[in-house]
Amino acid sequence: MKVLVLDRDGVINEDSPDYIKSVEEWQPIPGSIEAIARASKAGYTIAVASNQSGLARGLFDLDALTEIHDRMIEAVEDAGGRIDIITWCPHHPDEDCECRKPRIGLLMRIEQELGVSLAGQWFVGDSARDLEAARAAGMIPVLVRTGNGSKIENDIDRREVRVFDDLAGAVEELLKNA
């Protein structure tokens, strides 16, 4: 099974320092929805792994998060693809949970639900936390410059991390080498 794991905010949709709190605030990054659909149509199982501490901070509730995810799923389906699984960490960064990236609890949940190892698969993110989680799970860390990616690009080892302008560019390269 080929699996593509994606962070959400800053990779699929525009990020905000004020958090994405409602479906109205959720805006896909140009080309991201189509990129997910292309990967899905090419046989990739699409998984999303996202820290969502806004839940613990009381900025939005589970119903709002579900509406956001439903909108994202619908957009990908309208483009001819699918998102197979979405995992999220609801905890505050100060909580000592196992699911908040850079820990690998979300990735382990994806492995358990899909019945597959993620070792050697791509994890596309826009933060150091995403890259650390990818490495800890034996995945290939991929950084996109959208979201916070351009801010950390100079702090990473380019020999260990693949870097692309956006998700569309990453998926294009992934499918070339599939």
N, C-alpha and C. Protein backbone atom coordinates (compact mmCIF):
# COMPACT_ATOMS: atom_id res chain seq x y z
N MET A 1 0.84 -1.19 0.00
CA MET A 1 0.00 0.00 0.00
C MET A 1 0.88 1.24 0.00
N LYS A 2 0.58 2.15 -0.90
CA LYS A 2 1.28 3.44 -0.95
C LYS A 2 0.45 4.45 -0.15
N VAL A 3 1.10 5.08 0.83
CA VAL A 3 0.41 6.03 1.70
C VAL A 3 1.12 7.38 1.61
N LEU A 4 0.34 8.43 1.50
CA LEU A 4 0.85 9.80 1.55
C LEU A 4 0.24 10.45 2.77
N VAL A 5 1.09 10.87 3.71
CA VAL A 5 0.63 11.52 4.93
C VAL A 5 0.86 13.02 4.81
N LEU A 6 -0.16 13.78 5.16
CA LEU A 6 -0.11 15.23 5.03
C LEU A 6 -0.46 15.90 6.36
N ASP A 7 0.28 16.94 6.69
CA ASP A 7 -0.16 17.85 7.73
C ASP A 7 -1.32 18.65 7.11
N ARG A 8 -2.14 19.29 7.91
CA ARG A 8 -3.28 20.03 7.35
C ARG A 8 -2.97 21.51 7.18
N ASP A 9 -2.92 22.25 8.28
CA ASP A 9 -2.76 23.71 8.22
C ASP A 9 -1.38 24.07 7.69
N GLY A 10 -1.34 24.84 6.61
CA GLY A 10 -0.08 25.23 6.00
C GLY A 10 0.37 24.31 4.88
N VAL A 11 -0.29 23.17 4.74
CA VAL A 11 0.03 22.22 3.67
C VAL A 11 -1.16 22.10 2.73
N ILE A 12 -2.33 21.78 3.30
CA ILE A 12 -3.55 21.64 2.50
C ILE A 12 -4.28 22.98 2.43
N ASN A 13 -4.36 23.63 3.57
CA ASN A 13 -5.08 24.92 3.64
C ASN A 13 -4.18 25.99 4.22
N GLU A 14 -4.58 27.23 3.99
CA GLU A 14 -3.86 28.37 4.54
C GLU A 14 -3.84 28.25 6.06
N ASP A 15 -2.73 28.63 6.66
CA ASP A 15 -2.60 28.59 8.10
C ASP A 15 -2.87 29.99 8.66
N SER A 16 -3.07 30.07 9.96
CA SER A 16 -3.29 31.35 10.61
C SER A 16 -2.72 31.29 12.02
N PRO A 17 -2.03 32.34 12.47
CA PRO A 17 -1.56 32.35 13.86
C PRO A 17 -2.73 32.38 14.84
N ASP A 18 -3.91 32.73 14.34
CA ASP A 18 -5.11 32.76 15.17
C ASP A 18 -5.90 31.45 15.08
N TYR A 19 -5.35 30.44 14.42
CA TYR A 19 -5.97 29.14 14.26
C TYR A 19 -7.10 29.19 13.22
N ILE A 20 -7.36 28.05 12.64
CA ILE A 20 -8.49 27.89 11.73
C ILE A 20 -9.63 27.39 12.61
N LYS A 21 -10.59 28.26 12.89
CA LYS A 21 -11.61 27.98 13.89
C LYS A 21 -12.97 27.62 13.33
N SER A 22 -13.14 27.82 12.03
CA SER A 22 -14.46 27.56 11.44
C SER A 22 -14.30 27.18 9.98
N VAL A 23 -15.35 26.63 9.44
CA VAL A 23 -15.33 26.25 8.03
C VAL A 23 -15.17 27.48 7.14
N GLU A 24 -15.66 28.62 7.61
CA GLU A 24 -15.52 29.86 6.84
C GLU A 24 -14.05 30.31 6.75
N GLU A 25 -13.27 30.00 7.77
CA GLU A 25 -11.85 30.37 7.79
C GLU A 25 -10.98 29.39 7.02
N TRP A 26 -11.51 28.22 6.71
CA TRP A 26 -10.74 27.19 6.02
C TRP A 26 -10.65 27.53 4.53
N GLN A 27 -9.44 27.83 4.07
CA GLN A 27 -9.21 28.18 2.66
C GLN A 27 -8.10 27.30 2.11
N PRO A 28 -8.41 26.48 1.11
CA PRO A 28 -7.35 25.62 0.56
C PRO A 28 -6.26 26.44 -0.12
N ILE A 29 -5.04 25.97 0.01
CA ILE A 29 -3.91 26.57 -0.71
C ILE A 29 -4.10 26.22 -2.18
N PRO A 30 -3.93 27.18 -3.08
CA PRO A 30 -4.12 26.89 -4.50
C PRO A 30 -3.34 25.66 -4.96
N GLY A 31 -4.04 24.76 -5.61
CA GLY A 31 -3.44 23.54 -6.14
C GLY A 31 -3.41 22.37 -5.18
N SER A 32 -3.66 22.59 -3.88
CA SER A 32 -3.53 21.50 -2.91
C SER A 32 -4.62 20.43 -3.07
N ILE A 33 -5.83 20.86 -3.27
CA ILE A 33 -6.94 19.90 -3.39
C ILE A 33 -6.73 19.03 -4.63
N GLU A 34 -6.36 19.66 -5.73
CA GLU A 34 -6.11 18.92 -6.97
C GLU A 34 -4.93 17.97 -6.81
N ALA A 35 -3.91 18.38 -6.05
CA ALA A 35 -2.75 17.52 -5.81
C ALA A 35 -3.15 16.27 -5.02
N ILE A 36 -3.98 16.46 -4.01
CA ILE A 36 -4.45 15.31 -3.23
C ILE A 36 -5.24 14.38 -4.14
N ALA A 37 -6.11 14.93 -4.97
CA ALA A 37 -6.90 14.12 -5.88
C ALA A 37 -6.00 13.34 -6.85
N ARG A 38 -4.96 14.00 -7.38
CA ARG A 38 -4.03 13.31 -8.29
C ARG A 38 -3.36 12.14 -7.60
N ALA A 39 -2.87 12.35 -6.39
CA ALA A 39 -2.21 11.27 -5.66
C ALA A 39 -3.19 10.14 -5.36
N SER A 40 -4.39 10.50 -4.99
CA SER A 40 -5.42 9.50 -4.71
C SER A 40 -5.73 8.67 -5.96
N LYS A 41 -5.91 9.35 -7.08
CA LYS A 41 -6.21 8.65 -8.34
C LYS A 41 -5.05 7.77 -8.79
N ALA A 42 -3.83 8.13 -8.36
CA ALA A 42 -2.65 7.34 -8.72
C ALA A 42 -2.45 6.15 -7.79
N GLY A 43 -3.39 5.95 -6.87
CA GLY A 43 -3.33 4.77 -6.01
C GLY A 43 -2.80 5.00 -4.61
N TYR A 44 -2.55 6.24 -4.25
CA TYR A 44 -2.09 6.52 -2.90
C TYR A 44 -3.26 6.59 -1.93
N THR A 45 -3.07 6.02 -0.77
CA THR A 45 -3.98 6.19 0.34
C THR A 45 -3.58 7.51 1.00
N ILE A 46 -4.54 8.40 1.18
CA ILE A 46 -4.25 9.73 1.70
C ILE A 46 -4.64 9.79 3.18
N ALA A 47 -3.67 10.19 4.00
CA ALA A 47 -3.89 10.33 5.44
C ALA A 47 -3.49 11.74 5.85
N VAL A 48 -4.24 12.30 6.78
CA VAL A 48 -3.95 13.62 7.33
C VAL A 48 -3.65 13.45 8.82
N ALA A 49 -2.56 14.07 9.27
CA ALA A 49 -2.16 14.03 10.68
C ALA A 49 -1.93 15.46 11.13
N SER A 50 -2.77 15.95 12.05
CA SER A 50 -2.77 17.37 12.35
C SER A 50 -2.87 17.65 13.85
N ASN A 51 -1.98 18.51 14.35
CA ASN A 51 -2.12 19.01 15.71
C ASN A 51 -3.25 20.04 15.70
N GLN A 52 -4.20 19.90 16.61
CA GLN A 52 -5.33 20.82 16.69
C GLN A 52 -5.53 21.28 18.13
N SER A 53 -4.52 21.99 18.66
CA SER A 53 -4.59 22.44 20.06
C SER A 53 -5.66 23.50 20.27
N GLY A 54 -6.21 24.05 19.21
CA GLY A 54 -7.31 25.00 19.35
C GLY A 54 -8.49 24.38 20.08
N LEU A 55 -8.63 23.06 20.00
CA LEU A 55 -9.68 22.36 20.76
C LEU A 55 -9.43 22.55 22.26
N ALA A 56 -8.20 22.23 22.71
CA ALA A 56 -7.87 22.35 24.14
C ALA A 56 -7.90 23.80 24.61
N ARG A 57 -7.62 24.71 23.69
CA ARG A 57 -7.61 26.14 24.04
C ARG A 57 -9.02 26.73 24.06
N GLY A 58 -10.01 25.94 23.64
CA GLY A 58 -11.39 26.41 23.63
C GLY A 58 -11.71 27.37 22.49
N LEU A 59 -10.88 27.38 21.45
CA LEU A 59 -11.09 28.29 20.33
C LEU A 59 -12.15 27.78 19.35
N PHE A 60 -12.35 26.48 19.34
CA PHE A 60 -13.40 25.85 18.54
C PHE A 60 -13.73 24.51 19.18
N ASP A 61 -14.83 23.94 18.77
CA ASP A 61 -15.24 22.66 19.35
C ASP A 61 -15.16 21.56 18.29
N LEU A 62 -15.48 20.36 18.72
CA LEU A 62 -15.39 19.20 17.83
C LEU A 62 -16.34 19.32 16.64
N ASP A 63 -17.49 19.94 16.84
CA ASP A 63 -18.41 20.13 15.71
C ASP A 63 -17.79 21.02 14.64
N ALA A 64 -17.12 22.09 15.05
CA ALA A 64 -16.46 22.98 14.08
C ALA A 64 -15.33 22.25 13.36
N LEU A 65 -14.56 21.45 14.10
CA LEU A 65 -13.48 20.69 13.47
C LEU A 65 -14.04 19.69 12.46
N THR A 66 -15.13 19.05 12.83
CA THR A 66 -15.77 18.10 11.91
C THR A 66 -16.26 18.80 10.66
N GLU A 67 -16.85 19.99 10.80
CA GLU A 67 -17.30 20.75 9.62
C GLU A 67 -16.12 21.10 8.71
N ILE A 68 -15.01 21.50 9.30
CA ILE A 68 -13.82 21.82 8.51
C ILE A 68 -13.35 20.59 7.74
N HIS A 69 -13.26 19.47 8.45
CA HIS A 69 -12.80 18.24 7.79
C HIS A 69 -13.78 17.77 6.73
N ASP A 70 -15.07 17.91 7.00
CA ASP A 70 -16.07 17.54 5.98
C ASP A 70 -15.92 18.40 4.73
N ARG A 71 -15.67 19.68 4.90
CA ARG A 71 -15.45 20.58 3.75
C ARG A 71 -14.22 20.14 2.96
N MET A 72 -13.14 19.80 3.67
CA MET A 72 -11.91 19.37 3.03
C MET A 72 -12.13 18.07 2.25
N ILE A 73 -12.79 17.12 2.88
CA ILE A 73 -13.08 15.84 2.22
C ILE A 73 -13.94 16.07 0.99
N GLU A 74 -14.96 16.89 1.12
CA GLU A 74 -15.86 17.19 0.00
C GLU A 74 -15.11 17.84 -1.16
N ALA A 75 -14.21 18.77 -0.85
CA ALA A 75 -13.44 19.44 -1.90
C ALA A 75 -12.58 18.44 -2.66
N VAL A 76 -11.94 17.53 -1.94
CA VAL A 76 -11.10 16.52 -2.59
C VAL A 76 -11.97 15.57 -3.42
N GLU A 77 -13.10 15.17 -2.88
CA GLU A 77 -14.01 14.29 -3.64
C GLU A 77 -14.52 14.99 -4.89
N ASP A 78 -14.83 16.28 -4.80
CA ASP A 78 -15.28 17.03 -5.97
C ASP A 78 -14.20 17.08 -7.05
N ALA A 79 -12.94 16.98 -6.64
CA ALA A 79 -11.82 16.98 -7.58
C ALA A 79 -11.48 15.57 -8.07
N GLY A 80 -12.25 14.58 -7.60
CA GLY A 80 -12.07 13.21 -8.08
C GLY A 80 -11.18 12.33 -7.22
N GLY A 81 -10.83 12.79 -6.03
CA GLY A 81 -9.98 12.00 -5.14
C GLY A 81 -10.67 11.68 -3.84
N ARG A 82 -9.87 11.23 -2.87
CA ARG A 82 -10.43 10.94 -1.56
C ARG A 82 -9.35 11.06 -0.49
N ILE A 83 -9.80 11.40 0.69
CA ILE A 83 -8.96 11.36 1.88
C ILE A 83 -9.44 10.15 2.66
N ASP A 84 -8.52 9.24 2.95
CA ASP A 84 -8.90 7.96 3.55
C ASP A 84 -8.98 8.00 5.07
N ILE A 85 -8.15 8.83 5.69
CA ILE A 85 -8.15 8.88 7.15
C ILE A 85 -7.64 10.25 7.61
N ILE A 86 -8.26 10.78 8.64
CA ILE A 86 -7.81 12.02 9.27
C ILE A 86 -7.62 11.74 10.75
N THR A 87 -6.41 12.03 11.22
CA THR A 87 -6.14 11.93 12.66
C THR A 87 -5.74 13.31 13.15
N TRP A 88 -6.07 13.60 14.41
CA TRP A 88 -5.70 14.89 14.97
C TRP A 88 -5.45 14.74 16.45
N CYS A 89 -4.58 15.63 16.93
CA CYS A 89 -4.29 15.69 18.36
C CYS A 89 -5.07 16.87 18.92
N PRO A 90 -5.95 16.63 19.90
CA PRO A 90 -6.75 17.71 20.48
C PRO A 90 -6.09 18.40 21.68
N HIS A 91 -4.89 17.97 22.03
CA HIS A 91 -4.28 18.39 23.29
C HIS A 91 -3.53 19.72 23.18
N HIS A 92 -3.40 20.38 24.33
CA HIS A 92 -2.61 21.59 24.46
C HIS A 92 -1.12 21.20 24.41
N PRO A 93 -0.27 22.06 23.88
CA PRO A 93 1.16 21.73 23.82
C PRO A 93 1.79 21.41 25.17
N ASP A 94 1.23 21.94 26.25
CA ASP A 94 1.78 21.67 27.58
C ASP A 94 1.39 20.29 28.11
N GLU A 95 0.40 19.66 27.50
CA GLU A 95 0.02 18.32 27.93
C GLU A 95 1.06 17.33 27.44
N ASP A 96 1.27 16.30 28.20
CA ASP A 96 2.29 15.31 27.84
C ASP A 96 1.62 14.13 27.14
N CYS A 97 1.07 14.41 25.98
CA CYS A 97 0.38 13.35 25.24
C CYS A 97 1.34 12.68 24.26
N GLU A 98 0.95 11.55 23.77
CA GLU A 98 1.77 10.81 22.81
C GLU A 98 1.39 11.14 21.36
N CYS A 99 0.27 11.86 21.18
CA CYS A 99 -0.20 12.08 19.81
C CYS A 99 0.26 13.39 19.20
N ARG A 100 0.64 14.37 20.01
CA ARG A 100 1.02 15.66 19.46
C ARG A 100 2.39 15.56 18.76
N LYS A 101 2.40 15.95 17.49
CA LYS A 101 3.67 15.97 16.78
C LYS A 101 4.60 16.95 17.47
N PRO A 102 5.85 16.63 17.68
CA PRO A 102 6.67 15.68 16.94
C PRO A 102 6.61 14.23 17.42
N ARG A 103 5.81 13.93 18.42
CA ARG A 103 5.64 12.51 18.80
C ARG A 103 4.86 11.81 17.68
N ILE A 104 4.85 10.50 17.70
CA ILE A 104 4.33 9.77 16.54
C ILE A 104 2.99 9.06 16.78
N GLY A 105 2.28 9.47 17.83
CA GLY A 105 1.00 8.82 18.11
C GLY A 105 0.01 8.89 16.96
N LEU A 106 -0.08 10.04 16.28
CA LEU A 106 -1.00 10.15 15.15
C LEU A 106 -0.59 9.21 14.02
N LEU A 107 0.70 9.10 13.81
CA LEU A 107 1.20 8.22 12.74
C LEU A 107 0.98 6.75 13.10
N MET A 108 1.14 6.43 14.37
CA MET A 108 0.86 5.05 14.81
C MET A 108 -0.62 4.72 14.64
N ARG A 109 -1.48 5.69 14.90
CA ARG A 109 -2.92 5.48 14.72
C ARG A 109 -3.23 5.21 13.24
N ILE A 110 -2.58 5.95 12.35
CA ILE A 110 -2.78 5.72 10.92
C ILE A 110 -2.32 4.31 10.55
N GLU A 111 -1.15 3.91 11.05
CA GLU A 111 -0.66 2.56 10.78
C GLU A 111 -1.64 1.50 11.27
N GLN A 112 -2.15 1.68 12.48
CA GLN A 112 -3.08 0.70 13.05
C GLN A 112 -4.37 0.62 12.24
N GLU A 113 -4.94 1.79 11.90
CA GLU A 113 -6.21 1.79 11.18
C GLU A 113 -6.09 1.27 9.76
N LEU A 114 -4.93 1.52 9.13
CA LEU A 114 -4.74 1.05 7.76
C LEU A 114 -4.10 -0.33 7.72
N GLY A 115 -3.52 -0.77 8.82
CA GLY A 115 -2.86 -2.08 8.85
C GLY A 115 -1.60 -2.10 7.99
N VAL A 116 -0.82 -1.01 8.04
CA VAL A 116 0.36 -0.89 7.20
C VAL A 116 1.44 -0.13 7.95
N SER A 117 2.70 -0.36 7.60
CA SER A 117 3.80 0.43 8.14
C SER A 117 3.96 1.69 7.29
N LEU A 118 4.23 2.80 7.95
CA LEU A 118 4.48 4.05 7.23
C LEU A 118 5.96 4.24 6.91
N ALA A 119 6.80 3.34 7.36
CA ALA A 119 8.24 3.46 7.09
C ALA A 119 8.46 3.56 5.57
N GLY A 120 9.24 4.57 5.19
CA GLY A 120 9.57 4.76 3.78
C GLY A 120 8.54 5.55 2.99
N GLN A 121 7.42 5.90 3.62
CA GLN A 121 6.39 6.69 2.94
C GLN A 121 6.66 8.17 3.16
N TRP A 122 6.10 9.02 2.32
CA TRP A 122 6.28 10.47 2.44
C TRP A 122 5.34 11.07 3.48
N PHE A 123 5.88 11.98 4.29
CA PHE A 123 5.08 12.81 5.19
C PHE A 123 5.37 14.26 4.80
N VAL A 124 4.35 14.95 4.30
CA VAL A 124 4.51 16.33 3.85
C VAL A 124 4.02 17.27 4.94
N GLY A 125 4.92 18.16 5.38
CA GLY A 125 4.57 19.10 6.42
C GLY A 125 5.18 20.46 6.17
N ASP A 126 4.87 21.39 7.07
CA ASP A 126 5.40 22.75 6.95
C ASP A 126 6.09 23.21 8.23
N SER A 127 6.40 22.28 9.13
CA SER A 127 7.00 22.65 10.41
C SER A 127 8.07 21.65 10.81
N ALA A 128 8.93 22.10 11.71
CA ALA A 128 9.96 21.20 12.26
C ALA A 128 9.30 20.01 12.96
N ARG A 129 8.16 20.24 13.62
CA ARG A 129 7.45 19.14 14.31
C ARG A 129 7.07 18.04 13.32
N ASP A 130 6.59 18.45 12.14
CA ASP A 130 6.21 17.46 11.13
C ASP A 130 7.42 16.65 10.68
N LEU A 131 8.52 17.35 10.43
CA LEU A 131 9.73 16.68 9.95
C LEU A 131 10.28 15.73 11.01
N GLU A 132 10.26 16.16 12.27
CA GLU A 132 10.73 15.31 13.37
C GLU A 132 9.87 14.06 13.51
N ALA A 133 8.56 14.23 13.41
CA ALA A 133 7.66 13.08 13.51
C ALA A 133 7.92 12.11 12.35
N ALA A 134 8.10 12.65 11.16
CA ALA A 134 8.37 11.80 9.99
C ALA A 134 9.63 10.97 10.22
N ARG A 135 10.70 11.62 10.65
CA ARG A 135 11.95 10.89 10.90
C ARG A 135 11.78 9.84 11.99
N ALA A 136 11.08 10.20 13.07
CA ALA A 136 10.90 9.27 14.19
C ALA A 136 10.11 8.04 13.78
N ALA A 137 9.25 8.19 12.77
CA ALA A 137 8.44 7.06 12.30
C ALA A 137 9.09 6.34 11.11
N GLY A 138 10.30 6.75 10.74
CA GLY A 138 10.99 6.11 9.63
C GLY A 138 10.45 6.52 8.27
N MET A 139 9.75 7.65 8.24
CA MET A 139 9.17 8.14 7.00
C MET A 139 10.14 9.09 6.29
N ILE A 140 9.80 9.46 5.07
CA ILE A 140 10.59 10.42 4.31
C ILE A 140 10.02 11.81 4.60
N PRO A 141 10.81 12.68 5.25
CA PRO A 141 10.31 14.01 5.57
C PRO A 141 10.33 14.93 4.35
N VAL A 142 9.20 15.58 4.11
CA VAL A 142 9.05 16.48 2.97
C VAL A 142 8.53 17.82 3.51
N LEU A 143 9.22 18.90 3.16
CA LEU A 143 8.83 20.23 3.61
C LEU A 143 8.26 21.01 2.43
N VAL A 144 7.14 21.68 2.67
CA VAL A 144 6.62 22.62 1.68
C VAL A 144 6.82 24.03 2.23
N ARG A 145 7.05 24.97 1.31
CA ARG A 145 7.33 26.35 1.71
C ARG A 145 6.07 27.11 2.10
N THR A 146 4.92 26.54 1.85
CA THR A 146 3.68 27.18 2.27
C THR A 146 3.58 27.11 3.78
N GLY A 147 2.59 27.80 4.35
CA GLY A 147 2.46 27.80 5.81
C GLY A 147 3.72 28.35 6.44
N ASN A 148 4.31 27.57 7.35
CA ASN A 148 5.52 27.99 8.05
C ASN A 148 6.79 27.45 7.40
N GLY A 149 6.66 26.71 6.33
CA GLY A 149 7.80 26.04 5.73
C GLY A 149 8.92 26.96 5.30
N SER A 150 8.59 28.09 4.70
CA SER A 150 9.65 29.00 4.25
C SER A 150 10.43 29.59 5.43
N LYS A 151 9.81 29.65 6.61
CA LYS A 151 10.47 30.20 7.79
C LYS A 151 11.52 29.24 8.36
N ILE A 152 11.34 27.93 8.14
CA ILE A 152 12.28 26.97 8.73
C ILE A 152 13.20 26.35 7.69
N GLU A 153 13.00 26.67 6.43
CA GLU A 153 13.78 26.03 5.36
C GLU A 153 15.29 26.14 5.57
N ASN A 154 15.77 27.26 6.03
CA ASN A 154 17.21 27.44 6.22
C ASN A 154 17.75 26.70 7.44
N ASP A 155 16.86 26.18 8.28
CA ASP A 155 17.29 25.49 9.49
C ASP A 155 17.33 23.98 9.33
N ILE A 156 17.04 23.48 8.15
CA ILE A 156 16.97 22.03 7.96
C ILE A 156 18.16 21.54 7.15
N ASP A 157 18.42 20.26 7.25
CA ASP A 157 19.47 19.62 6.46
C ASP A 157 18.84 19.16 5.15
N ARG A 158 19.16 19.84 4.08
CA ARG A 158 18.56 19.56 2.77
C ARG A 158 18.92 18.17 2.25
N ARG A 159 19.93 17.55 2.84
CA ARG A 159 20.27 16.18 2.42
C ARG A 159 19.26 15.18 2.99
N GLU A 160 18.58 15.56 4.07
CA GLU A 160 17.64 14.65 4.74
C GLU A 160 16.18 14.98 4.45
N VAL A 161 15.92 16.18 3.93
CA VAL A 161 14.54 16.63 3.75
C VAL A 161 14.36 17.10 2.32
N ARG A 162 13.31 16.62 1.68
CA ARG A 162 12.96 17.11 0.35
C ARG A 162 12.14 18.38 0.53
N VAL A 163 12.39 19.39 -0.30
CA VAL A 163 11.72 20.68 -0.15
C VAL A 163 11.05 21.07 -1.48
N PHE A 164 9.79 21.51 -1.37
CA PHE A 164 9.01 21.92 -2.54
C PHE A 164 8.29 23.22 -2.22
N ASP A 165 7.92 23.95 -3.26
CA ASP A 165 7.18 25.20 -3.06
C ASP A 165 5.85 24.96 -2.38
N ASP A 166 5.17 23.88 -2.77
CA ASP A 166 3.83 23.62 -2.25
C ASP A 166 3.49 22.14 -2.42
N LEU A 167 2.30 21.76 -1.98
CA LEU A 167 1.88 20.37 -2.06
C LEU A 167 1.79 19.91 -3.51
N ALA A 168 1.35 20.79 -4.41
CA ALA A 168 1.25 20.42 -5.82
C ALA A 168 2.62 20.00 -6.35
N GLY A 169 3.66 20.74 -6.03
CA GLY A 169 5.01 20.40 -6.47
C GLY A 169 5.51 19.11 -5.86
N ALA A 170 5.21 18.89 -4.59
CA ALA A 170 5.61 17.65 -3.93
C ALA A 170 4.94 16.45 -4.56
N VAL A 171 3.64 16.55 -4.80
CA VAL A 171 2.90 15.42 -5.39
C VAL A 171 3.38 15.16 -6.82
N GLU A 172 3.66 16.20 -7.55
CA GLU A 172 4.18 16.02 -8.92
C GLU A 172 5.45 15.18 -8.89
N GLU A 173 6.37 15.50 -7.97
CA GLU A 173 7.63 14.74 -7.85
C GLU A 173 7.36 13.32 -7.36
N LEU A 174 6.48 13.17 -6.39
CA LEU A 174 6.15 11.85 -5.87
C LEU A 174 5.63 10.95 -6.99
N LEU A 175 4.74 11.48 -7.81
CA LEU A 175 4.14 10.66 -8.86
C LEU A 175 5.12 10.36 -9.99
N LYS A 176 6.10 11.24 -10.23
CA LYS A 176 7.13 10.98 -11.23
C LYS A 176 7.95 9.75 -10.87
N ASN A 177 8.16 9.58 -9.56
CA ASN A 177 9.04 8.50 -9.09
C ASN A 177 8.27 7.31 -8.54
N ALA A 178 6.98 7.28 -8.76
CA ALA A 178 6.16 6.19 -8.18
C ALA A 178 6.33 4.90 -8.97
